[in-house]
Amino acid sequence: MRTIRLANLNAYKLGRDTIDTASWKARVTAIGEIAPDILALQEVIVDETRPSAEWATEASTVIQQLAAETGLSATTVHADGTPGPTAMANNLARGWYTALLWNPSTVKPVAGGFRPYGAPDFWHGFTTARFDIGAAEPVTVASYHGDPFRGNWRRDEAFRIKSVFRTTGGAKPGLVLGDFNALSAAKVDEPEGEQFYDPEPYLDHDHDDLEYQLLEGTIGKEQLADRRQSEVLLRRGFMVDAAAHLKVPWQATVGHWEDGRGDPDPWGARRIDLVYTTRPVVPALVSYSTHTSPAAREASDHLPVICEIDPSRISGEA
C-alpha cells in the first residue's frame, strides 16, 4: 500500500525577517522530520507598512525559500503547462497568507488546478490546488486559517469551504487542513454515551477573550465552545474530522508555549489545527498524528498534524 502523507503547520508569523533564524531552522527541521507529500501552511506574513502591491512578491519569496530548504515545491502550473504563481492566498486587505507546498517526486499539481480565494469570503486567504496523487481522479487540497475573532464569520467561511468541495448533490474528493481557530464538533462513542471528541475547554475560564470562542449567551454560564463552523462541514457526513474518525488519542495542538513567549495564550491546551476529509476520501484514511518533536515545539505555537491516506481507497461515490 502506497500512502500519501499530508501535514499542516501554522508557522507562527513566518516572515522575511525570520529566514536563517533559529526558529526558521526549527521549522525546516520539523518539516523534514514529517517528510510530507503535501504541506498546508498558514501565517506567512509580510510587512503591511509597505505598499500592498509588494506583498505578494515578499510572501512568495518566503514560501519559495522554505520550499527550497525542505525539498518541496510551491510553484503551480498554468492550464497551458507553463509555470504558474506560488500556491498562496491572502484577502488583499491583509498581509497574512496561507500556502500549499508539495513533494514533486510523489504528487503532481494538476495544470490549471490552483485557485486562491480571498475577501469577502475569508478573513485569511484560502489556498486550493488539485493534485494527482495516484487516485482514480485528482484530489483537491486546501490550506485554511479561520477567522480568529468572529464565530459568525467562521461559520460563514465553513459554508464557503463546503461550496469549493461540492458537486451537485455531493462532495468532490478532497481535504482541508488548517488552523481553524475553533473546536471541532466531531463526536465519538464513549462508555457514558456519545461525547465531543474535544471536551469543553472553557468551563472554568474567566477572561475577556472568551467572547471570541464561546457561543453567544453562554459566557459566565455554561461557557460552551462555538462549534458552528465545524457543524457546517460535518453535516450529513459531507466531511469528517480525521482524528475523531480514526479515534486516535486526543492531543492538543496549541498551549505548549508559555505566556510571554510568542503571543499570550489565555485559552490553554486545545486542538484547533485540524484535518477534514470529504466523504469520498473517508475510506482512504489510514493514520493521523500530532508531531511533537523538540523541533516542532520550538518552531511554532501550533504543533503540526499529519494525516495519511491510501489513494487506491478513495471512493468514486460523491
C-alpha atoms as a PDB file:
ATOM      1  CA  MET A   1       0.000   0.000   0.000  1.00  0.00           C
ATOM      2  CA  ARG A   2       1.416   3.362  -1.054  1.00  0.00           C
ATOM      3  CA  THR A   3       0.151   6.140   1.182  1.00  0.00           C
ATOM      4  CA  ILE A   4       0.191   9.906   0.778  1.00  0.00           C
ATOM      5  CA  ARG A   5       1.173  11.979   3.789  1.00  0.00           C
ATOM      6  CA  LEU A   6      -0.450  15.367   4.271  1.00  0.00           C
ATOM      7  CA  ALA A   7       0.537  17.717   7.065  1.00  0.00           C
ATOM      8  CA  ASN A   8      -0.491  21.077   8.438  1.00  0.00           C
ATOM      9  CA  LEU A   9       1.633  23.771  10.039  1.00  0.00           C
ATOM     10  CA  ASN A  10       0.670  27.196  11.283  1.00  0.00           C
ATOM     11  CA  ALA A  11       4.225  28.518  11.183  1.00  0.00           C
ATOM     12  CA  TYR A  12       3.739  31.464  13.590  1.00  0.00           C
ATOM     13  CA  LYS A  13       4.390  34.738  11.774  1.00  0.00           C
ATOM     14  CA  LEU A  14       6.732  33.303   9.182  1.00  0.00           C
ATOM     15  CA  GLY A  15       8.193  36.396   7.541  1.00  0.00           C
ATOM     16  CA  ARG A  16      11.223  37.595   5.666  1.00  0.00           C
ATOM     17  CA  ASP A  17      12.940  38.593   8.916  1.00  0.00           C
ATOM     18  CA  THR A  18      12.724  35.017  10.230  1.00  0.00           C
ATOM     19  CA  ILE A  19      14.826  33.490   7.427  1.00  0.00           C
ATOM     20  CA  ASP A  20      18.022  31.888   8.788  1.00  0.00           C
ATOM     21  CA  THR A  21      16.999  32.415  12.416  1.00  0.00           C
ATOM     22  CA  ALA A  22      16.855  29.590  14.956  1.00  0.00           C
ATOM     23  CA  SER A  23      13.078  29.460  14.654  1.00  0.00           C
ATOM     24  CA  TRP A  24      13.317  29.220  10.862  1.00  0.00           C
ATOM     25  CA  LYS A  25      15.734  26.319  11.166  1.00  0.00           C
ATOM     26  CA  ALA A  26      13.392  24.626  13.646  1.00  0.00           C
ATOM     27  CA  ARG A  27      10.576  24.902  11.111  1.00  0.00           C
ATOM     28  CA  VAL A  28      12.772  23.444   8.368  1.00  0.00           C
ATOM     29  CA  THR A  29      13.830  20.606  10.678  1.00  0.00           C
ATOM     30  CA  ALA A  30      10.259  19.812  11.721  1.00  0.00           C
ATOM     31  CA  ILE A  31       9.060  19.721   8.120  1.00  0.00           C
ATOM     32  CA  GLY A  32      11.981  17.455   7.241  1.00  0.00           C
ATOM     33  CA  GLU A  33      11.047  15.107  10.076  1.00  0.00           C
ATOM     34  CA  ILE A  34       7.482  14.898   8.789  1.00  0.00           C
ATOM     35  CA  ALA A  35       8.513  14.461   5.131  1.00  0.00           C
ATOM     36  CA  PRO A  36       5.087  15.465   3.787  1.00  0.00           C
ATOM     37  CA  ASP A  37       3.848  14.778   0.296  1.00  0.00           C
ATOM     38  CA  ILE A  38       1.623  17.838   0.697  1.00  0.00           C
ATOM     39  CA  LEU A  39       2.035  20.537   3.341  1.00  0.00           C
ATOM     40  CA  ALA A  40      -0.618  23.119   4.204  1.00  0.00           C
ATOM     41  CA  LEU A  41       0.966  26.250   5.655  1.00  0.00           C
ATOM     42  CA  GLN A  42      -0.558  29.213   7.472  1.00  0.00           C
ATOM     43  CA  GLU A  43       0.613  32.519   8.905  1.00  0.00           C
ATOM     44  CA  VAL A  44       3.108  33.652   6.317  1.00  0.00           C
ATOM     45  CA  ILE A  45       3.174  37.405   6.921  1.00  0.00           C
ATOM     46  CA  VAL A  46       4.572  40.445   5.160  1.00  0.00           C
ATOM     47  CA  ASP A  47       5.368  43.994   6.228  1.00  0.00           C
ATOM     48  CA  GLU A  48       1.971  45.654   5.927  1.00  0.00           C
ATOM     49  CA  THR A  49       3.534  49.120   6.118  1.00  0.00           C
ATOM     50  CA  ARG A  50       4.882  48.550   2.609  1.00  0.00           C
ATOM     51  CA  PRO A  51       2.657  49.142  -0.443  1.00  0.00           C
ATOM     52  CA  SER A  52       0.212  46.282  -0.863  1.00  0.00           C
ATOM     53  CA  ALA A  53       1.416  45.839  -4.452  1.00  0.00           C
ATOM     54  CA  GLU A  54       4.667  44.480  -2.982  1.00  0.00           C
ATOM     55  CA  TRP A  55       3.093  41.981  -0.584  1.00  0.00           C
ATOM     56  CA  ALA A  56       2.748  39.058  -2.988  1.00  0.00           C
ATOM     57  CA  THR A  57       6.400  39.223  -4.033  1.00  0.00           C
ATOM     58  CA  GLU A  58       7.540  39.271  -0.413  1.00  0.00           C
ATOM     59  CA  ALA A  59       5.276  36.393   0.625  1.00  0.00           C
ATOM     60  CA  SER A  60       6.274  34.351  -2.414  1.00  0.00           C
ATOM     61  CA  THR A  61       9.956  34.846  -1.598  1.00  0.00           C
ATOM     62  CA  VAL A  62       9.472  33.477   1.915  1.00  0.00           C
ATOM     63  CA  ILE A  63       7.399  30.497   0.770  1.00  0.00           C
ATOM     64  CA  GLN A  64       9.765  29.619  -2.064  1.00  0.00           C
ATOM     65  CA  GLN A  65      12.750  29.825   0.291  1.00  0.00           C
ATOM     66  CA  LEU A  66      11.043  27.441   2.700  1.00  0.00           C
ATOM     67  CA  ALA A  67      10.203  25.106  -0.171  1.00  0.00           C
ATOM     68  CA  ALA A  68      13.806  25.121  -1.402  1.00  0.00           C
ATOM     69  CA  GLU A  69      15.188  24.291   2.053  1.00  0.00           C
ATOM     70  CA  THR A  70      12.727  21.450   2.634  1.00  0.00           C
ATOM     71  CA  GLY A  71      12.931  19.822  -0.803  1.00  0.00           C
ATOM     72  CA  LEU A  72       9.365  20.805  -1.655  1.00  0.00           C
ATOM     73  CA  SER A  73       7.759  22.843  -4.420  1.00  0.00           C
ATOM     74  CA  ALA A  74       5.242  25.674  -4.248  1.00  0.00           C
ATOM     75  CA  THR A  75       5.103  26.599  -7.940  1.00  0.00           C
ATOM     76  CA  THR A  76       1.757  25.961  -9.576  1.00  0.00           C
ATOM     77  CA  VAL A  77       1.140  25.038 -13.203  1.00  0.00           C
ATOM     78  CA  HIS A  78      -0.948  27.105 -15.610  1.00  0.00           C
ATOM     79  CA  ALA A  79      -3.573  25.378 -17.753  1.00  0.00           C
ATOM     80  CA  ASP A  80      -1.170  25.539 -20.721  1.00  0.00           C
ATOM     81  CA  GLY A  81       1.515  23.675 -18.751  1.00  0.00           C
ATOM     82  CA  THR A  82       3.762  26.676 -18.073  1.00  0.00           C
ATOM     83  CA  PRO A  83       4.913  27.526 -14.527  1.00  0.00           C
ATOM     84  CA  GLY A  84       2.333  29.445 -12.556  1.00  0.00           C
ATOM     85  CA  PRO A  85       2.443  31.584  -9.408  1.00  0.00           C
ATOM     86  CA  THR A  86       3.300  30.429  -5.917  1.00  0.00           C
ATOM     87  CA  ALA A  87       0.458  28.445  -4.343  1.00  0.00           C
ATOM     88  CA  MET A  88      -0.645  31.049  -1.801  1.00  0.00           C
ATOM     89  CA  ALA A  89      -3.582  33.289  -0.978  1.00  0.00           C
ATOM     90  CA  ASN A  90      -4.472  36.302   1.144  1.00  0.00           C
ATOM     91  CA  ASN A  91      -7.538  38.512   1.338  1.00  0.00           C
ATOM     92  CA  LEU A  92      -5.844  41.520  -0.364  1.00  0.00           C
ATOM     93  CA  ALA A  93      -6.567  43.771   2.615  1.00  0.00           C
ATOM     94  CA  ARG A  94      -4.234  41.837   4.919  1.00  0.00           C
ATOM     95  CA  GLY A  95      -0.671  40.649   4.539  1.00  0.00           C
ATOM     96  CA  TRP A  96      -1.292  37.218   6.054  1.00  0.00           C
ATOM     97  CA  TYR A  97      -1.035  34.282   3.667  1.00  0.00           C
ATOM     98  CA  THR A  98      -1.895  30.613   3.549  1.00  0.00           C
ATOM     99  CA  ALA A  99       0.019  28.325   1.187  1.00  0.00           C
ATOM    100  CA  LEU A 100       0.481  24.808  -0.148  1.00  0.00           C
ATOM    101  CA  LEU A 101       3.797  23.021  -0.694  1.00  0.00           C
ATOM    102  CA  TRP A 102       4.363  19.521  -2.051  1.00  0.00           C
ATOM    103  CA  ASN A 103       6.925  16.873  -2.884  1.00  0.00           C
ATOM    104  CA  PRO A 104       7.246  16.959  -6.694  1.00  0.00           C
ATOM    105  CA  SER A 105       8.582  13.397  -6.693  1.00  0.00           C
ATOM    106  CA  THR A 106       5.422  11.922  -5.209  1.00  0.00           C
ATOM    107  CA  VAL A 107       2.499  14.180  -6.204  1.00  0.00           C
ATOM    108  CA  LYS A 108       1.836  16.391  -9.197  1.00  0.00           C
ATOM    109  CA  PRO A 109      -0.186  19.615  -9.270  1.00  0.00           C
ATOM    110  CA  VAL A 110      -2.884  19.488 -11.926  1.00  0.00           C
ATOM    111  CA  ALA A 111      -2.401  22.089 -14.659  1.00  0.00           C
ATOM    112  CA  GLY A 112      -4.856  24.904 -14.083  1.00  0.00           C
ATOM    113  CA  GLY A 113      -5.891  23.394 -10.745  1.00  0.00           C
ATOM    114  CA  PHE A 114      -4.683  26.173  -8.447  1.00  0.00           C
ATOM    115  CA  ARG A 115      -7.204  28.679  -7.124  1.00  0.00           C
ATOM    116  CA  PRO A 116      -6.709  31.256  -4.365  1.00  0.00           C
ATOM    117  CA  TYR A 117      -9.688  32.720  -2.505  1.00  0.00           C
ATOM    118  CA  GLY A 118      -9.716  35.991  -0.593  1.00  0.00           C
ATOM    119  CA  ALA A 119     -12.172  38.617   0.631  1.00  0.00           C
ATOM    120  CA  PRO A 120     -15.078  38.794   1.102  1.00  0.00           C
ATOM    121  CA  ASP A 121     -15.147  35.021   1.628  1.00  0.00           C
ATOM    122  CA  PHE A 122     -12.220  34.575   4.017  1.00  0.00           C
ATOM    123  CA  TRP A 123     -10.571  36.643   6.739  1.00  0.00           C
ATOM    124  CA  HIS A 124      -7.313  34.943   5.784  1.00  0.00           C
ATOM    125  CA  GLY A 125      -6.681  33.637   2.272  1.00  0.00           C
ATOM    126  CA  PHE A 126      -7.856  30.149   1.331  1.00  0.00           C
ATOM    127  CA  THR A 127      -5.353  28.311  -0.889  1.00  0.00           C
ATOM    128  CA  THR A 128      -6.598  25.405  -3.003  1.00  0.00           C
ATOM    129  CA  ALA A 129      -4.984  23.175  -5.605  1.00  0.00           C
ATOM    130  CA  ARG A 130      -5.798  19.896  -7.314  1.00  0.00           C
ATOM    131  CA  PHE A 131      -3.212  17.116  -7.187  1.00  0.00           C
ATOM    132  CA  ASP A 132      -2.602  13.846  -8.973  1.00  0.00           C
ATOM    133  CA  ILE A 133      -1.789  11.547  -6.056  1.00  0.00           C
ATOM    134  CA  GLY A 134      -2.321   8.257  -7.855  1.00  0.00           C
ATOM    135  CA  ALA A 135      -6.068   8.060  -7.243  1.00  0.00           C
ATOM    136  CA  ALA A 136      -8.674   7.498  -9.926  1.00  0.00           C
ATOM    137  CA  GLU A 137      -9.195  11.262 -10.145  1.00  0.00           C
ATOM    138  CA  PRO A 138      -7.403  14.356  -8.828  1.00  0.00           C
ATOM    139  CA  VAL A 139      -7.864  15.355  -5.217  1.00  0.00           C
ATOM    140  CA  THR A 140      -8.453  18.943  -4.099  1.00  0.00           C
ATOM    141  CA  VAL A 141      -6.395  20.064  -1.100  1.00  0.00           C
ATOM    142  CA  ALA A 142      -6.890  23.338   0.759  1.00  0.00           C
ATOM    143  CA  SER A 143      -4.966  25.345   3.337  1.00  0.00           C
ATOM    144  CA  TYR A 144      -7.252  27.289   5.683  1.00  0.00           C
ATOM    145  CA  HIS A 145      -6.813  29.787   8.504  1.00  0.00           C
ATOM    146  CA  GLY A 146     -10.047  30.556  10.331  1.00  0.00           C
ATOM    147  CA  ASP A 147     -11.161  33.977  11.452  1.00  0.00           C
ATOM    148  CA  PRO A 148      -9.765  34.400  14.987  1.00  0.00           C
ATOM    149  CA  PHE A 149     -12.348  36.855  16.253  1.00  0.00           C
ATOM    150  CA  ARG A 150     -15.836  36.171  14.900  1.00  0.00           C
ATOM    151  CA  GLY A 151     -17.776  32.976  15.343  1.00  0.00           C
ATOM    152  CA  ASN A 152     -20.390  34.070  12.819  1.00  0.00           C
ATOM    153  CA  TRP A 153     -17.686  34.687  10.226  1.00  0.00           C
ATOM    154  CA  ARG A 154     -16.083  31.298  10.894  1.00  0.00           C
ATOM    155  CA  ARG A 155     -19.471  29.696  10.273  1.00  0.00           C
ATOM    156  CA  ASP A 156     -19.874  31.636   7.019  1.00  0.00           C
ATOM    157  CA  GLU A 157     -16.350  30.628   5.970  1.00  0.00           C
ATOM    158  CA  ALA A 158     -17.329  26.999   6.523  1.00  0.00           C
ATOM    159  CA  PHE A 159     -20.201  27.352   4.048  1.00  0.00           C
ATOM    160  CA  ARG A 160     -17.753  28.807   1.518  1.00  0.00           C
ATOM    161  CA  ILE A 161     -15.293  25.971   2.137  1.00  0.00           C
ATOM    162  CA  LYS A 162     -18.076  23.490   1.602  1.00  0.00           C
ATOM    163  CA  SER A 163     -19.022  25.151  -1.680  1.00  0.00           C
ATOM    164  CA  VAL A 164     -15.475  24.683  -3.010  1.00  0.00           C
ATOM    165  CA  PHE A 165     -15.753  20.923  -2.454  1.00  0.00           C
ATOM    166  CA  ARG A 166     -19.335  20.344  -3.522  1.00  0.00           C
ATOM    167  CA  THR A 167     -20.699  18.739  -6.631  1.00  0.00           C
ATOM    168  CA  THR A 168     -24.400  18.746  -7.369  1.00  0.00           C
ATOM    169  CA  GLY A 169     -25.808  16.736  -4.506  1.00  0.00           C
ATOM    170  CA  GLY A 170     -22.431  15.502  -3.291  1.00  0.00           C
ATOM    171  CA  ALA A 171     -18.764  16.089  -2.490  1.00  0.00           C
ATOM    172  CA  LYS A 172     -15.553  16.081  -4.512  1.00  0.00           C
ATOM    173  CA  PRO A 173     -12.607  14.055  -3.181  1.00  0.00           C
ATOM    174  CA  GLY A 174     -10.576  16.421  -1.060  1.00  0.00           C
ATOM    175  CA  LEU A 175      -9.070  17.515   2.229  1.00  0.00           C
ATOM    176  CA  VAL A 176      -8.994  20.784   4.161  1.00  0.00           C
ATOM    177  CA  LEU A 177      -6.082  21.272   6.534  1.00  0.00           C
ATOM    178  CA  GLY A 178      -5.603  24.302   8.697  1.00  0.00           C
ATOM    179  CA  ASP A 179      -5.686  26.351  11.821  1.00  0.00           C
ATOM    180  CA  PHE A 180      -9.456  26.550  12.268  1.00  0.00           C
ATOM    181  CA  ASN A 181      -9.265  28.823  15.341  1.00  0.00           C
ATOM    182  CA  ALA A 182     -12.171  26.869  16.830  1.00  0.00           C
ATOM    183  CA  LEU A 183     -13.004  23.451  18.189  1.00  0.00           C
ATOM    184  CA  SER A 184     -14.369  20.563  16.192  1.00  0.00           C
ATOM    185  CA  ALA A 185     -17.942  19.377  16.608  1.00  0.00           C
ATOM    186  CA  ALA A 186     -16.992  15.747  15.873  1.00  0.00           C
ATOM    187  CA  LYS A 187     -18.347  13.207  18.342  1.00  0.00           C
ATOM    188  CA  VAL A 188     -17.200   9.759  19.435  1.00  0.00           C
ATOM    189  CA  ASP A 189     -18.859   6.925  21.332  1.00  0.00           C
ATOM    190  CA  GLU A 190     -17.741   6.663  24.940  1.00  0.00           C
ATOM    191  CA  PRO A 191     -18.889   4.293  27.737  1.00  0.00           C
ATOM    192  CA  GLU A 192     -21.091   7.109  29.063  1.00  0.00           C
ATOM    193  CA  GLY A 193     -22.551   7.734  25.598  1.00  0.00           C
ATOM    194  CA  GLU A 194     -21.774   9.965  22.619  1.00  0.00           C
ATOM    195  CA  GLN A 195     -19.387  12.783  23.535  1.00  0.00           C
ATOM    196  CA  PHE A 196     -17.486  15.527  21.751  1.00  0.00           C
ATOM    197  CA  TYR A 197     -14.035  14.300  20.719  1.00  0.00           C
ATOM    198  CA  ASP A 198     -12.752  17.664  22.010  1.00  0.00           C
ATOM    199  CA  PRO A 199     -14.100  18.170  25.538  1.00  0.00           C
ATOM    200  CA  GLU A 200     -15.322  21.614  26.567  1.00  0.00           C
ATOM    201  CA  PRO A 201     -12.143  23.555  27.494  1.00  0.00           C
ATOM    202  CA  TYR A 202     -13.607  26.839  28.739  1.00  0.00           C
ATOM    203  CA  LEU A 203     -15.843  25.789  31.623  1.00  0.00           C
ATOM    204  CA  ASP A 204     -13.622  27.303  34.326  1.00  0.00           C
ATOM    205  CA  HIS A 205     -12.134  30.206  32.338  1.00  0.00           C
ATOM    206  CA  ASP A 206     -12.657  33.836  33.286  1.00  0.00           C
ATOM    207  CA  HIS A 207     -11.209  36.359  30.822  1.00  0.00           C
ATOM    208  CA  ASP A 208     -12.422  38.779  28.156  1.00  0.00           C
ATOM    209  CA  ASP A 209     -11.060  36.788  25.213  1.00  0.00           C
ATOM    210  CA  LEU A 210     -13.765  34.175  25.736  1.00  0.00           C
ATOM    211  CA  GLU A 211     -16.008  36.298  23.519  1.00  0.00           C
ATOM    212  CA  TYR A 212     -14.057  35.017  20.511  1.00  0.00           C
ATOM    213  CA  GLN A 213     -14.583  31.336  21.286  1.00  0.00           C
ATOM    214  CA  LEU A 214     -17.875  30.874  23.141  1.00  0.00           C
ATOM    215  CA  LEU A 215     -21.404  30.559  21.895  1.00  0.00           C
ATOM    216  CA  GLU A 216     -23.301  33.801  22.381  1.00  0.00           C
ATOM    217  CA  GLY A 217     -25.184  33.755  25.660  1.00  0.00           C
ATOM    218  CA  THR A 218     -23.005  31.168  27.394  1.00  0.00           C
ATOM    219  CA  ILE A 219     -20.291  33.494  28.735  1.00  0.00           C
ATOM    220  CA  GLY A 220     -20.360  33.287  32.528  1.00  0.00           C
ATOM    221  CA  LYS A 221     -22.871  30.439  32.308  1.00  0.00           C
ATOM    222  CA  GLU A 222     -22.272  27.103  30.551  1.00  0.00           C
ATOM    223  CA  GLN A 223     -19.172  28.541  28.778  1.00  0.00           C
ATOM    224  CA  LEU A 224     -19.731  26.377  25.686  1.00  0.00           C
ATOM    225  CA  ALA A 225     -17.310  26.427  22.761  1.00  0.00           C
ATOM    226  CA  ASP A 226     -18.670  27.778  19.485  1.00  0.00           C
ATOM    227  CA  ARG A 227     -18.522  24.758  17.168  1.00  0.00           C
ATOM    228  CA  ARG A 228     -20.845  26.063  14.427  1.00  0.00           C
ATOM    229  CA  GLN A 229     -18.027  26.243  11.855  1.00  0.00           C
ATOM    230  CA  SER A 230     -17.378  22.528  12.248  1.00  0.00           C
ATOM    231  CA  GLU A 231     -21.075  21.634  12.367  1.00  0.00           C
ATOM    232  CA  VAL A 232     -21.467  23.047   8.854  1.00  0.00           C
ATOM    233  CA  LEU A 233     -18.624  20.936   7.483  1.00  0.00           C
ATOM    234  CA  LEU A 234     -19.684  17.731   9.242  1.00  0.00           C
ATOM    235  CA  ARG A 235     -23.390  17.953   8.451  1.00  0.00           C
ATOM    236  CA  ARG A 236     -24.785  14.877   6.650  1.00  0.00           C
ATOM    237  CA  GLY A 237     -21.290  13.366   6.595  1.00  0.00           C
ATOM    238  CA  PHE A 238     -20.108  15.829   3.946  1.00  0.00           C
ATOM    239  CA  MET A 239     -16.761  15.841   5.759  1.00  0.00           C
ATOM    240  CA  VAL A 240     -15.256  14.040   8.720  1.00  0.00           C
ATOM    241  CA  ASP A 241     -12.702  15.141  11.284  1.00  0.00           C
ATOM    242  CA  ALA A 242      -9.866  12.713  10.519  1.00  0.00           C
ATOM    243  CA  ALA A 243      -8.611  12.435  14.102  1.00  0.00           C
ATOM    244  CA  ALA A 244     -12.038  11.748  15.562  1.00  0.00           C
ATOM    245  CA  HIS A 245     -12.982   9.365  12.745  1.00  0.00           C
ATOM    246  CA  LEU A 246      -9.847   7.285  13.313  1.00  0.00           C
ATOM    247  CA  LYS A 247     -10.359   7.510  17.090  1.00  0.00           C
ATOM    248  CA  VAL A 248      -6.744   8.370  17.782  1.00  0.00           C
ATOM    249  CA  PRO A 249      -5.863   9.505  21.318  1.00  0.00           C
ATOM    250  CA  TRP A 250      -6.648  13.189  21.784  1.00  0.00           C
ATOM    251  CA  GLN A 251      -3.705  15.607  21.633  1.00  0.00           C
ATOM    252  CA  ALA A 252      -3.605  19.381  21.891  1.00  0.00           C
ATOM    253  CA  THR A 253      -2.047  21.377  19.069  1.00  0.00           C
ATOM    254  CA  VAL A 254      -1.719  24.662  20.990  1.00  0.00           C
ATOM    255  CA  GLY A 255      -0.961  25.653  24.557  1.00  0.00           C
ATOM    256  CA  HIS A 256       2.620  24.353  24.736  1.00  0.00           C
ATOM    257  CA  TRP A 257       4.131  27.866  24.594  1.00  0.00           C
ATOM    258  CA  GLU A 258       4.023  29.679  27.928  1.00  0.00           C
ATOM    259  CA  ASP A 259       2.721  33.229  28.223  1.00  0.00           C
ATOM    260  CA  GLY A 260       5.486  35.657  27.386  1.00  0.00           C
ATOM    261  CA  ARG A 261       6.754  33.501  24.550  1.00  0.00           C
ATOM    262  CA  GLY A 262       5.070  34.496  21.341  1.00  0.00           C
ATOM    263  CA  ASP A 263       1.557  35.847  21.794  1.00  0.00           C
ATOM    264  CA  PRO A 264      -0.082  35.358  25.197  1.00  0.00           C
ATOM    265  CA  ASP A 265      -2.438  32.370  25.215  1.00  0.00           C
ATOM    266  CA  PRO A 266      -5.319  32.650  27.701  1.00  0.00           C
ATOM    267  CA  TRP A 267      -7.095  29.542  26.400  1.00  0.00           C
ATOM    268  CA  GLY A 268      -4.770  26.700  27.409  1.00  0.00           C
ATOM    269  CA  ALA A 269      -4.339  23.351  25.692  1.00  0.00           C
ATOM    270  CA  ARG A 270      -6.734  22.940  22.754  1.00  0.00           C
ATOM    271  CA  ARG A 271      -6.906  21.136  19.411  1.00  0.00           C
ATOM    272  CA  ILE A 272      -7.642  23.753  16.759  1.00  0.00           C
ATOM    273  CA  ASP A 273      -5.321  22.531  13.971  1.00  0.00           C
ATOM    274  CA  LEU A 274      -7.458  20.041  12.103  1.00  0.00           C
ATOM    275  CA  VAL A 275      -7.782  17.844   9.029  1.00  0.00           C
ATOM    276  CA  TYR A 276     -11.180  17.366   7.423  1.00  0.00           C
ATOM    277  CA  THR A 277     -11.713  14.965   4.535  1.00  0.00           C
ATOM    278  CA  THR A 278     -14.700  14.894   2.228  1.00  0.00           C
ATOM    279  CA  ARG A 279     -16.949  11.853   2.013  1.00  0.00           C
ATOM    280  CA  PRO A 280     -15.083  10.139  -0.881  1.00  0.00           C
ATOM    281  CA  VAL A 281     -11.760  10.285   0.999  1.00  0.00           C
ATOM    282  CA  VAL A 282     -13.054   8.806   4.266  1.00  0.00           C
ATOM    283  CA  PRO A 283     -12.425   5.163   3.215  1.00  0.00           C
ATOM    284  CA  ALA A 284      -8.844   6.133   2.358  1.00  0.00           C
ATOM    285  CA  LEU A 285      -7.941   7.387   5.854  1.00  0.00           C
ATOM    286  CA  VAL A 286      -5.029   5.373   7.239  1.00  0.00           C
ATOM    287  CA  SER A 287      -3.494   7.308  10.129  1.00  0.00           C
ATOM    288  CA  TYR A 288      -3.464  10.602  11.985  1.00  0.00           C
ATOM    289  CA  SER A 289      -0.973  12.039  14.463  1.00  0.00           C
ATOM    290  CA  THR A 290       0.327  15.217  16.080  1.00  0.00           C
ATOM    291  CA  HIS A 291       4.037  15.887  15.578  1.00  0.00           C
ATOM    292  CA  THR A 292       5.579  16.739  18.950  1.00  0.00           C
ATOM    293  CA  SER A 293       9.333  16.642  18.367  1.00  0.00           C
ATOM    294  CA  PRO A 294      11.600  19.234  20.037  1.00  0.00           C
ATOM    295  CA  ALA A 295      11.955  20.994  16.681  1.00  0.00           C
ATOM    296  CA  ALA A 296       8.184  21.122  16.218  1.00  0.00           C
ATOM    297  CA  ARG A 297       7.667  22.503  19.717  1.00  0.00           C
ATOM    298  CA  GLU A 298      10.325  25.141  19.055  1.00  0.00           C
ATOM    299  CA  ALA A 299       9.087  26.029  15.558  1.00  0.00           C
ATOM    300  CA  SER A 300       5.660  27.418  16.365  1.00  0.00           C
ATOM    301  CA  ASP A 301       2.919  27.923  18.920  1.00  0.00           C
ATOM    302  CA  HIS A 302       0.952  25.389  16.824  1.00  0.00           C
ATOM    303  CA  LEU A 303       2.069  21.772  16.524  1.00  0.00           C
ATOM    304  CA  PRO A 304       1.915  20.132  13.089  1.00  0.00           C
ATOM    305  CA  VAL A 305      -0.724  17.495  12.445  1.00  0.00           C
ATOM    306  CA  ILE A 306      -0.254  14.635   9.977  1.00  0.00           C
ATOM    307  CA  CYS A 307      -2.761  12.563   8.046  1.00  0.00           C
ATOM    308  CA  GLU A 308      -2.015   9.610   5.777  1.00  0.00           C
ATOM    309  CA  ILE A 309      -4.367   8.348   3.094  1.00  0.00           C
ATOM    310  CA  ASP A 310      -4.329   5.422   0.666  1.00  0.00           C
ATOM    311  CA  PRO A 311      -5.195   6.818  -2.794  1.00  0.00           C
ATOM    312  CA  SER A 312      -6.392   3.441  -4.025  1.00  0.00           C
ATOM    313  CA  ARG A 313      -9.222   3.516  -1.467  1.00  0.00           C
ATOM    314  CA  ILE A 314     -10.691   6.880  -2.398  1.00  0.00           C
ATOM    315  CA  SER A 315     -14.321   6.265  -3.252  1.00  0.00           C
ATOM    316  CA  GLY A 316     -15.877   7.155  -6.577  1.00  0.00           C
ATOM    317  CA  GLU A 317     -19.122   7.996  -4.806  1.00  0.00           C
ATOM    318  CA  ALA A 318     -19.791  11.641  -4.023  1.00  0.00           C
END
